[in-house]
Amino acid sequence: WVRLIKPTALNAWQNMDLWQFSAMFVVACIC
C-alpha cells in the first residue's frame, strides 16, 4: 500500500484528466 498503490494513485490523480483517472480507477479496482 505505502510503497506502490498509494503513491501510484496520487501520481495518476495529479497528472491525469478527470475522465482518464476515472477510467483508470475502475480498471485498477478490478485488476
Full PDB file with SEQRES, HELIX, SHEET, SSBOND, CRYST1, ORIGX, SCALE, CONECT and MASTER records, all heavy atoms in Angstrom:
SEQRES   1 A   31  TRP VAL ARG LEU ILE LYS PRO THR ALA LEU ASN ALA TRP          
SEQRES   2 A   31  GLN ASN MET ASP LEU TRP GLN PHE SER ALA MET PHE VAL          
SEQRES   3 A   31  VAL ALA CYS ILE CYS                                          
HELIX    1 AA1 ILE A    5  ASN A   15  1                                  11    
HELIX    2 AA2 LEU A   18  ILE A   30  1                                  13    
CRYST1    1.000    1.000    1.000  90.00  90.00  90.00 P 1           1          
ORIGX1      1.000000  0.000000  0.000000        0.00000                         
ORIGX2      0.000000  1.000000  0.000000        0.00000                         
ORIGX3      0.000000  0.000000  1.000000        0.00000                         
SCALE1      1.000000  0.000000  0.000000        0.00000                         
SCALE2      0.000000  1.000000  0.000000        0.00000                         
SCALE3      0.000000  0.000000  1.000000        0.00000                         
ATOM      1  N   TRP A   1       0.818  -1.204   0.000  1.00  0.00           N  
ATOM      2  CA  TRP A   1       0.000   0.000   0.000  1.00  0.00           C  
ATOM      3  C   TRP A   1       0.857   1.263   0.000  1.00  0.00           C  
ATOM      4  O   TRP A   1       0.698   2.136  -0.853  1.00  0.00           O  
ATOM      5  CB  TRP A   1      -0.931  -0.033   1.211  1.00  0.00           C  
ATOM      6  CG  TRP A   1      -1.629   1.253   1.476  1.00  0.00           C  
ATOM      7  CD1 TRP A   1      -1.388   2.141   2.493  1.00  0.00           C  
ATOM      8  CD2 TRP A   1      -2.671   1.834   0.707  1.00  0.00           C  
ATOM      9  NE1 TRP A   1      -2.213   3.218   2.396  1.00  0.00           N  
ATOM     10  CE2 TRP A   1      -3.022   3.059   1.315  1.00  0.00           C  
ATOM     11  CE3 TRP A   1      -3.351   1.428  -0.441  1.00  0.00           C  
ATOM     12  CZ2 TRP A   1      -4.019   3.875   0.813  1.00  0.00           C  
ATOM     13  CZ3 TRP A   1      -4.347   2.251  -0.946  1.00  0.00           C  
ATOM     14  CH2 TRP A   1      -4.672   3.454  -0.320  1.00  0.00           C  
ATOM     15  N   VAL A   2       1.769   1.358   0.944  1.00  0.00           N  
ATOM     16  CA  VAL A   2       2.568   2.583   1.108  1.00  0.00           C  
ATOM     17  C   VAL A   2       3.591   2.742  -0.004  1.00  0.00           C  
ATOM     18  O   VAL A   2       3.817   3.853  -0.491  1.00  0.00           O  
ATOM     19  CB  VAL A   2       3.264   2.587   2.483  1.00  0.00           C  
ATOM     20  CG1 VAL A   2       4.180   3.791   2.630  1.00  0.00           C  
ATOM     21  CG2 VAL A   2       2.232   2.583   3.606  1.00  0.00           C  
ATOM     22  N   ARG A   3       4.170   1.654  -0.419  1.00  0.00           N  
ATOM     23  CA  ARG A   3       5.260   1.738  -1.391  1.00  0.00           C  
ATOM     24  C   ARG A   3       4.804   1.743  -2.839  1.00  0.00           C  
ATOM     25  O   ARG A   3       5.519   2.218  -3.721  1.00  0.00           O  
ATOM     26  CB  ARG A   3       6.237   0.572  -1.176  1.00  0.00           C  
ATOM     27  CG  ARG A   3       6.941   0.619   0.168  1.00  0.00           C  
ATOM     28  CD  ARG A   3       7.650  -0.684   0.481  1.00  0.00           C  
ATOM     29  NE  ARG A   3       8.649  -1.035  -0.508  1.00  0.00           N  
ATOM     30  CZ  ARG A   3       9.894  -1.429  -0.217  1.00  0.00           C  
ATOM     31  NH1 ARG A   3      10.272  -1.501   1.050  1.00  0.00           N  
ATOM     32  NH2 ARG A   3      10.729  -1.760  -1.158  1.00  0.00           N  
ATOM     33  N   LEU A   4       3.612   1.206  -3.114  1.00  0.00           N  
ATOM     34  CA  LEU A   4       3.192   1.046  -4.509  1.00  0.00           C  
ATOM     35  C   LEU A   4       1.846   1.682  -4.829  1.00  0.00           C  
ATOM     36  O   LEU A   4       1.766   2.604  -5.655  1.00  0.00           O  
ATOM     37  CB  LEU A   4       3.161  -0.445  -4.859  1.00  0.00           C  
ATOM     38  CG  LEU A   4       2.703  -0.813  -6.278  1.00  0.00           C  
ATOM     39  CD1 LEU A   4       3.652  -0.210  -7.298  1.00  0.00           C  
ATOM     40  CD2 LEU A   4       2.609  -2.322  -6.439  1.00  0.00           C  
ATOM     41  N   ILE A   5       0.787   1.203  -4.174  1.00  0.00           N  
ATOM     42  CA  ILE A   5      -0.560   1.581  -4.598  1.00  0.00           C  
ATOM     43  C   ILE A   5      -0.864   3.049  -4.314  1.00  0.00           C  
ATOM     44  O   ILE A   5      -1.309   3.791  -5.206  1.00  0.00           O  
ATOM     45  CB  ILE A   5      -1.607   0.676  -3.929  1.00  0.00           C  
ATOM     46  CG1 ILE A   5      -1.438  -0.768  -4.412  1.00  0.00           C  
ATOM     47  CG2 ILE A   5      -3.026   1.169  -4.229  1.00  0.00           C  
ATOM     48  CD1 ILE A   5      -2.407  -1.755  -3.814  1.00  0.00           C  
ATOM     49  N   LYS A   6      -0.642   3.499  -3.100  1.00  0.00           N  
ATOM     50  CA  LYS A   6      -0.987   4.885  -2.742  1.00  0.00           C  
ATOM     51  C   LYS A   6      -0.210   5.908  -3.558  1.00  0.00           C  
ATOM     52  O   LYS A   6      -0.823   6.831  -4.137  1.00  0.00           O  
ATOM     53  CB  LYS A   6      -0.767   5.111  -1.253  1.00  0.00           C  
ATOM     54  CG  LYS A   6      -1.172   6.503  -0.785  1.00  0.00           C  
ATOM     55  CD  LYS A   6      -1.029   6.651   0.722  1.00  0.00           C  
ATOM     56  CE  LYS A   6      -1.446   8.050   1.161  1.00  0.00           C  
ATOM     57  NZ  LYS A   6      -1.348   8.204   2.646  1.00  0.00           N  
ATOM     58  N   PRO A   7       1.127   5.814  -3.669  1.00  0.00           N  
ATOM     59  CA  PRO A   7       1.836   6.816  -4.480  1.00  0.00           C  
ATOM     60  C   PRO A   7       1.466   6.765  -5.958  1.00  0.00           C  
ATOM     61  O   PRO A   7       1.435   7.802  -6.630  1.00  0.00           O  
ATOM     62  CB  PRO A   7       3.318   6.464  -4.262  1.00  0.00           C  
ATOM     63  CG  PRO A   7       3.336   5.078  -3.733  1.00  0.00           C  
ATOM     64  CD  PRO A   7       2.059   4.903  -2.980  1.00  0.00           C  
ATOM     65  N   THR A   8       1.163   5.555  -6.469  1.00  0.00           N  
ATOM     66  CA  THR A   8       0.761   5.441  -7.873  1.00  0.00           C  
ATOM     67  C   THR A   8      -0.576   6.139  -8.112  1.00  0.00           C  
ATOM     68  O   THR A   8      -0.755   6.854  -9.111  1.00  0.00           O  
ATOM     69  CB  THR A   8       0.653   3.963  -8.283  1.00  0.00           C  
ATOM     70  OG1 THR A   8       1.912   3.317  -8.093  1.00  0.00           O  
ATOM     71  CG2 THR A   8       0.239   3.838  -9.744  1.00  0.00           C  
ATOM     72  N   ALA A   9      -1.528   5.927  -7.190  1.00  0.00           N  
ATOM     73  CA  ALA A   9      -2.839   6.574  -7.318  1.00  0.00           C  
ATOM     74  C   ALA A   9      -2.715   8.091  -7.224  1.00  0.00           C  
ATOM     75  O   ALA A   9      -3.330   8.827  -7.999  1.00  0.00           O  
ATOM     76  CB  ALA A   9      -3.776   6.054  -6.237  1.00  0.00           C  
ATOM     77  N   LEU A  10      -1.908   8.564  -6.290  1.00  0.00           N  
ATOM     78  CA  LEU A  10      -1.737  10.006  -6.114  1.00  0.00           C  
ATOM     79  C   LEU A  10      -1.053  10.633  -7.325  1.00  0.00           C  
ATOM     80  O   LEU A  10      -1.444  11.720  -7.784  1.00  0.00           O  
ATOM     81  CB  LEU A  10      -0.922  10.280  -4.847  1.00  0.00           C  
ATOM     82  CG  LEU A  10      -0.775  11.743  -4.426  1.00  0.00           C  
ATOM     83  CD1 LEU A  10      -2.141  12.380  -4.220  1.00  0.00           C  
ATOM     84  CD2 LEU A  10       0.056  11.849  -3.159  1.00  0.00           C  
ATOM     85  N   ASN A  11      -0.068   9.967  -7.870  1.00  0.00           N  
ATOM     86  CA  ASN A  11       0.624  10.473  -9.058  1.00  0.00           C  
ATOM     87  C   ASN A  11      -0.323  10.533 -10.255  1.00  0.00           C  
ATOM     88  O   ASN A  11      -0.318  11.508 -11.025  1.00  0.00           O  
ATOM     89  CB  ASN A  11       1.824   9.581  -9.372  1.00  0.00           C  
ATOM     90  CG  ASN A  11       2.591  10.061 -10.589  1.00  0.00           C  
ATOM     91  OD1 ASN A  11       3.210  11.129 -10.590  1.00  0.00           O  
ATOM     92  ND2 ASN A  11       2.572   9.268 -11.649  1.00  0.00           N  
ATOM     93  N   ALA A  12      -1.147   9.496 -10.417  1.00  0.00           N  
ATOM     94  CA  ALA A  12      -2.113   9.488 -11.521  1.00  0.00           C  
ATOM     95  C   ALA A  12      -3.139  10.609 -11.356  1.00  0.00           C  
ATOM     96  O   ALA A  12      -3.523  11.267 -12.334  1.00  0.00           O  
ATOM     97  CB  ALA A  12      -2.821   8.136 -11.580  1.00  0.00           C  
ATOM     98  N   TRP A  13      -3.597  10.829 -10.136  1.00  0.00           N  
ATOM     99  CA  TRP A  13      -4.567  11.889  -9.849  1.00  0.00           C  
ATOM    100  C   TRP A  13      -4.005  13.270 -10.202  1.00  0.00           C  
ATOM    101  O   TRP A  13      -4.711  14.131 -10.719  1.00  0.00           O  
ATOM    102  CB  TRP A  13      -4.953  11.831  -8.380  1.00  0.00           C  
ATOM    103  CG  TRP A  13      -5.863  12.923  -7.909  1.00  0.00           C  
ATOM    104  CD1 TRP A  13      -5.523  14.026  -7.184  1.00  0.00           C  
ATOM    105  CD2 TRP A  13      -7.274  13.028  -8.131  1.00  0.00           C  
ATOM    106  NE1 TRP A  13      -6.620  14.804  -6.923  1.00  0.00           N  
ATOM    107  CE2 TRP A  13      -7.711  14.216  -7.492  1.00  0.00           C  
ATOM    108  CE3 TRP A  13      -8.208  12.227  -8.794  1.00  0.00           C  
ATOM    109  CZ2 TRP A  13      -9.041  14.613  -7.505  1.00  0.00           C  
ATOM    110  CZ3 TRP A  13      -9.540  12.638  -8.811  1.00  0.00           C  
ATOM    111  CH2 TRP A  13      -9.949  13.809  -8.173  1.00  0.00           C  
ATOM    112  N   GLN A  14      -2.740  13.469  -9.949  1.00  0.00           N  
ATOM    113  CA  GLN A  14      -2.112  14.773 -10.184  1.00  0.00           C  
ATOM    114  C   GLN A  14      -1.760  15.012 -11.645  1.00  0.00           C  
ATOM    115  O   GLN A  14      -1.603  16.169 -12.060  1.00  0.00           O  
ATOM    116  CB  GLN A  14      -0.848  14.894  -9.324  1.00  0.00           C  
ATOM    117  CG  GLN A  14      -1.127  14.940  -7.835  1.00  0.00           C  
ATOM    118  CD  GLN A  14       0.128  14.837  -7.001  1.00  0.00           C  
ATOM    119  OE1 GLN A  14       1.200  14.430  -7.490  1.00  0.00           O  
ATOM    120  NE2 GLN A  14       0.037  15.198  -5.722  1.00  0.00           N  
ATOM    121  N   ASN A  15      -1.660  13.939 -12.429  1.00  0.00           N  
ATOM    122  CA  ASN A  15      -1.173  14.098 -13.799  1.00  0.00           C  
ATOM    123  C   ASN A  15      -2.168  13.690 -14.881  1.00  0.00           C  
ATOM    124  O   ASN A  15      -1.868  13.819 -16.066  1.00  0.00           O  
ATOM    125  CB  ASN A  15       0.115  13.286 -13.987  1.00  0.00           C  
ATOM    126  CG  ASN A  15       1.265  13.825 -13.159  1.00  0.00           C  
ATOM    127  OD1 ASN A  15       1.863  14.845 -13.489  1.00  0.00           O  
ATOM    128  ND2 ASN A  15       1.580  13.149 -12.058  1.00  0.00           N  
ATOM    129  N   MET A  16      -3.330  13.198 -14.495  1.00  0.00           N  
ATOM    130  CA  MET A  16      -4.336  12.776 -15.468  1.00  0.00           C  
ATOM    131  C   MET A  16      -5.532  13.704 -15.465  1.00  0.00           C  
ATOM    132  O   MET A  16      -5.841  14.341 -14.441  1.00  0.00           O  
ATOM    133  CB  MET A  16      -4.825  11.353 -15.164  1.00  0.00           C  
ATOM    134  CG  MET A  16      -3.866  10.242 -15.508  1.00  0.00           C  
ATOM    135  SD  MET A  16      -4.624   8.613 -15.165  1.00  0.00           S  
ATOM    136  CE  MET A  16      -3.401   7.527 -15.873  1.00  0.00           C  
ATOM    137  N   ASP A  17      -6.204  13.767 -16.605  1.00  0.00           N  
ATOM    138  CA  ASP A  17      -7.507  14.421 -16.643  1.00  0.00           C  
ATOM    139  C   ASP A  17      -8.487  13.594 -15.816  1.00  0.00           C  
ATOM    140  O   ASP A  17      -8.274  12.387 -15.612  1.00  0.00           O  
ATOM    141  CB  ASP A  17      -8.011  14.544 -18.082  1.00  0.00           C  
ATOM    142  CG  ASP A  17      -7.176  15.522 -18.896  1.00  0.00           C  
ATOM    143  OD1 ASP A  17      -6.571  16.425 -18.296  1.00  0.00           O  
ATOM    144  OD2 ASP A  17      -7.107  15.339 -20.127  1.00  0.00           O  
ATOM    145  N   LEU A  18      -9.576  14.218 -15.394  1.00  0.00           N  
ATOM    146  CA  LEU A  18     -10.509  13.528 -14.516  1.00  0.00           C  
ATOM    147  C   LEU A  18     -11.116  12.306 -15.191  1.00  0.00           C  
ATOM    148  O   LEU A  18     -11.255  11.245 -14.563  1.00  0.00           O  
ATOM    149  CB  LEU A  18     -11.624  14.490 -14.068  1.00  0.00           C  
ATOM    150  CG  LEU A  18     -12.591  13.940 -13.022  1.00  0.00           C  
ATOM    151  CD1 LEU A  18     -11.852  13.471 -11.781  1.00  0.00           C  
ATOM    152  CD2 LEU A  18     -13.642  14.983 -12.650  1.00  0.00           C  
ATOM    153  N   TRP A  19     -11.471  12.404 -16.464  1.00  0.00           N  
ATOM    154  CA  TRP A  19     -12.064  11.257 -17.156  1.00  0.00           C  
ATOM    155  C   TRP A  19     -11.058  10.126 -17.308  1.00  0.00           C  
ATOM    156  O   TRP A  19     -11.421   8.941 -17.209  1.00  0.00           O  
ATOM    157  CB  TRP A  19     -12.617  11.674 -18.518  1.00  0.00           C  
ATOM    158  CG  TRP A  19     -11.577  11.966 -19.567  1.00  0.00           C  
ATOM    159  CD1 TRP A  19     -11.017  13.178 -19.859  1.00  0.00           C  
ATOM    160  CD2 TRP A  19     -10.972  11.013 -20.458  1.00  0.00           C  
ATOM    161  NE1 TRP A  19     -10.096  13.059 -20.869  1.00  0.00           N  
ATOM    162  CE2 TRP A  19     -10.054  11.737 -21.261  1.00  0.00           C  
ATOM    163  CE3 TRP A  19     -11.114   9.646 -20.654  1.00  0.00           C  
ATOM    164  CZ2 TRP A  19      -9.277  11.127 -22.241  1.00  0.00           C  
ATOM    165  CZ3 TRP A  19     -10.337   9.027 -21.632  1.00  0.00           C  
ATOM    166  CH2 TRP A  19      -9.438   9.769 -22.413  1.00  0.00           C  
ATOM    167  N   GLN A  20      -9.787  10.474 -17.512  1.00  0.00           N  
ATOM    168  CA  GLN A  20      -8.751   9.452 -17.612  1.00  0.00           C  
ATOM    169  C   GLN A  20      -8.554   8.746 -16.272  1.00  0.00           C  
ATOM    170  O   GLN A  20      -8.440   7.521 -16.207  1.00  0.00           O  
ATOM    171  CB  GLN A  20      -7.433  10.080 -18.059  1.00  0.00           C  
ATOM    172  CG  GLN A  20      -7.440  10.614 -19.483  1.00  0.00           C  
ATOM    173  CD  GLN A  20      -6.152  11.341 -19.827  1.00  0.00           C  
ATOM    174  OE1 GLN A  20      -5.600  12.077 -19.009  1.00  0.00           O  
ATOM    175  NE2 GLN A  20      -5.670  11.143 -21.043  1.00  0.00           N  
ATOM    176  N   PHE A  21      -8.522   9.543 -15.214  1.00  0.00           N  
ATOM    177  CA  PHE A  21      -8.346   8.946 -13.889  1.00  0.00           C  
ATOM    178  C   PHE A  21      -9.545   8.083 -13.527  1.00  0.00           C  
ATOM    179  O   PHE A  21      -9.383   7.026 -12.907  1.00  0.00           O  
ATOM    180  CB  PHE A  21      -8.155  10.033 -12.827  1.00  0.00           C  
ATOM    181  CG  PHE A  21      -7.905   9.470 -11.452  1.00  0.00           C  
ATOM    182  CD1 PHE A  21      -6.629   9.110 -11.063  1.00  0.00           C  
ATOM    183  CD2 PHE A  21      -8.947   9.280 -10.554  1.00  0.00           C  
ATOM    184  CE1 PHE A  21      -6.384   8.568  -9.806  1.00  0.00           C  
ATOM    185  CE2 PHE A  21      -8.723   8.747  -9.298  1.00  0.00           C  
ATOM    186  CZ  PHE A  21      -7.428   8.389  -8.923  1.00  0.00           C  
ATOM    187  N   SER A  22     -10.745   8.522 -13.900  1.00  0.00           N  
ATOM    188  CA  SER A  22     -11.952   7.747 -13.600  1.00  0.00           C  
ATOM    189  C   SER A  22     -11.882   6.371 -14.253  1.00  0.00           C  
ATOM    190  O   SER A  22     -12.209   5.353 -13.626  1.00  0.00           O  
ATOM    191  CB  SER A  22     -13.198   8.489 -14.084  1.00  0.00           C  
ATOM    192  OG  SER A  22     -13.320   9.747 -13.436  1.00  0.00           O  
ATOM    193  N   ALA A  23     -11.447   6.339 -15.519  1.00  0.00           N  
ATOM    194  CA  ALA A  23     -11.309   5.061 -16.218  1.00  0.00           C  
ATOM    195  C   ALA A  23     -10.234   4.205 -15.559  1.00  0.00           C  
ATOM    196  O   ALA A  23     -10.417   2.996 -15.349  1.00  0.00           O  
ATOM    197  CB  ALA A  23     -10.974   5.302 -17.685  1.00  0.00           C  
ATOM    198  N   MET A  24      -9.108   4.840 -15.222  1.00  0.00           N  
ATOM    199  CA  MET A  24      -8.026   4.110 -14.569  1.00  0.00           C  
ATOM    200  C   MET A  24      -8.461   3.588 -13.205  1.00  0.00           C  
ATOM    201  O   MET A  24      -8.083   2.487 -12.793  1.00  0.00           O  
ATOM    202  CB  MET A  24      -6.813   5.016 -14.407  1.00  0.00           C  
ATOM    203  CG  MET A  24      -5.560   4.291 -13.934  1.00  0.00           C  
ATOM    204  SD  MET A  24      -4.582   5.218 -12.729  1.00  0.00           S  
ATOM    205  CE  MET A  24      -5.623   5.189 -11.275  1.00  0.00           C  
ATOM    206  N   PHE A  25      -9.268   4.360 -12.503  1.00  0.00           N  
ATOM    207  CA  PHE A  25      -9.764   3.997 -11.171  1.00  0.00           C  
ATOM    208  C   PHE A  25     -10.559   2.690 -11.238  1.00  0.00           C  
ATOM    209  O   PHE A  25     -10.326   1.765 -10.450  1.00  0.00           O  
ATOM    210  CB  PHE A  25     -10.636   5.133 -10.638  1.00  0.00           C  
ATOM    211  CG  PHE A  25     -11.243   4.879  -9.286  1.00  0.00           C  
ATOM    212  CD1 PHE A  25     -10.568   5.243  -8.136  1.00  0.00           C  
ATOM    213  CD2 PHE A  25     -12.497   4.292  -9.168  1.00  0.00           C  
ATOM    214  CE1 PHE A  25     -11.130   5.013  -6.888  1.00  0.00           C  
ATOM    215  CE2 PHE A  25     -13.057   4.057  -7.933  1.00  0.00           C  
ATOM    216  CZ  PHE A  25     -12.370   4.421  -6.789  1.00  0.00           C  
ATOM    217  N   VAL A  26     -11.479   2.607 -12.188  1.00  0.00           N  
ATOM    218  CA  VAL A  26     -12.302   1.403 -12.343  1.00  0.00           C  
ATOM    219  C   VAL A  26     -11.442   0.210 -12.726  1.00  0.00           C  
ATOM    220  O   VAL A  26     -11.554  -0.883 -12.142  1.00  0.00           O  
ATOM    221  CB  VAL A  26     -13.407   1.631 -13.398  1.00  0.00           C  
ATOM    222  CG1 VAL A  26     -14.170   0.331 -13.650  1.00  0.00           C  
ATOM    223  CG2 VAL A  26     -14.361   2.729 -12.942  1.00  0.00           C  
ATOM    224  N   VAL A  27     -10.562   0.415 -13.697  1.00  0.00           N  
ATOM    225  CA  VAL A  27      -9.691  -0.673 -14.147  1.00  0.00           C  
ATOM    226  C   VAL A  27      -8.776  -1.133 -13.017  1.00  0.00           C  
ATOM    227  O   VAL A  27      -8.554  -2.334 -12.826  1.00  0.00           O  
ATOM    228  CB  VAL A  27      -8.858  -0.228 -15.370  1.00  0.00           C  
ATOM    229  CG1 VAL A  27      -7.814  -1.287 -15.722  1.00  0.00           C  
ATOM    230  CG2 VAL A  27      -9.765   0.030 -16.562  1.00  0.00           C  
ATOM    231  N   ALA A  28      -8.242  -0.192 -12.249  1.00  0.00           N  
ATOM    232  CA  ALA A  28      -7.331  -0.530 -11.153  1.00  0.00           C  
ATOM    233  C   ALA A  28      -8.028  -1.361 -10.088  1.00  0.00           C  
ATOM    234  O   ALA A  28      -7.466  -2.337  -9.586  1.00  0.00           O  
ATOM    235  CB  ALA A  28      -6.761   0.752 -10.536  1.00  0.00           C  
ATOM    236  N   CYS A  29      -9.268  -0.992  -9.735  1.00  0.00           N  
ATOM    237  CA  CYS A  29     -10.018  -1.758  -8.734  1.00  0.00           C  
ATOM    238  C   CYS A  29     -10.207  -3.200  -9.186  1.00  0.00           C  
ATOM    239  O   CYS A  29     -10.001  -4.144  -8.413  1.00  0.00           O  
ATOM    240  CB  CYS A  29     -11.377  -1.107  -8.486  1.00  0.00           C  
ATOM    241  SG  CYS A  29     -11.320   0.441  -7.561  1.00  0.00           S  
ATOM    242  N   ILE A  30     -10.593  -3.374 -10.456  1.00  0.00           N  
ATOM    243  CA  ILE A  30     -10.825  -4.716 -10.995  1.00  0.00           C  
ATOM    244  C   ILE A  30      -9.519  -5.507 -11.064  1.00  0.00           C  
ATOM    245  O   ILE A  30      -9.463  -6.685 -10.682  1.00  0.00           O  
ATOM    246  CB  ILE A  30     -11.483  -4.628 -12.379  1.00  0.00           C  
ATOM    247  CG1 ILE A  30     -12.878  -3.996 -12.267  1.00  0.00           C  
ATOM    248  CG2 ILE A  30     -11.580  -6.006 -13.027  1.00  0.00           C  
ATOM    249  CD1 ILE A  30     -13.535  -3.711 -13.597  1.00  0.00           C  
ATOM    250  N   CYS A  31      -8.446  -4.862 -11.535  1.00  0.00           N  
ATOM    251  CA  CYS A  31      -7.161  -5.552 -11.677  1.00  0.00           C  
ATOM    252  C   CYS A  31      -6.601  -5.971 -10.322  1.00  0.00           C  
ATOM    253  O   CYS A  31      -6.040  -7.069 -10.194  1.00  0.00           O  
ATOM    254  CB  CYS A  31      -6.165  -4.654 -12.408  1.00  0.00           C  
ATOM    255  SG  CYS A  31      -6.497  -4.469 -14.174  1.00  0.00           S  
TER     256      CYS A  31                                                      
MASTER        0    0    0    2    0    0    0    6  255    1    0    3          
END                                                                             
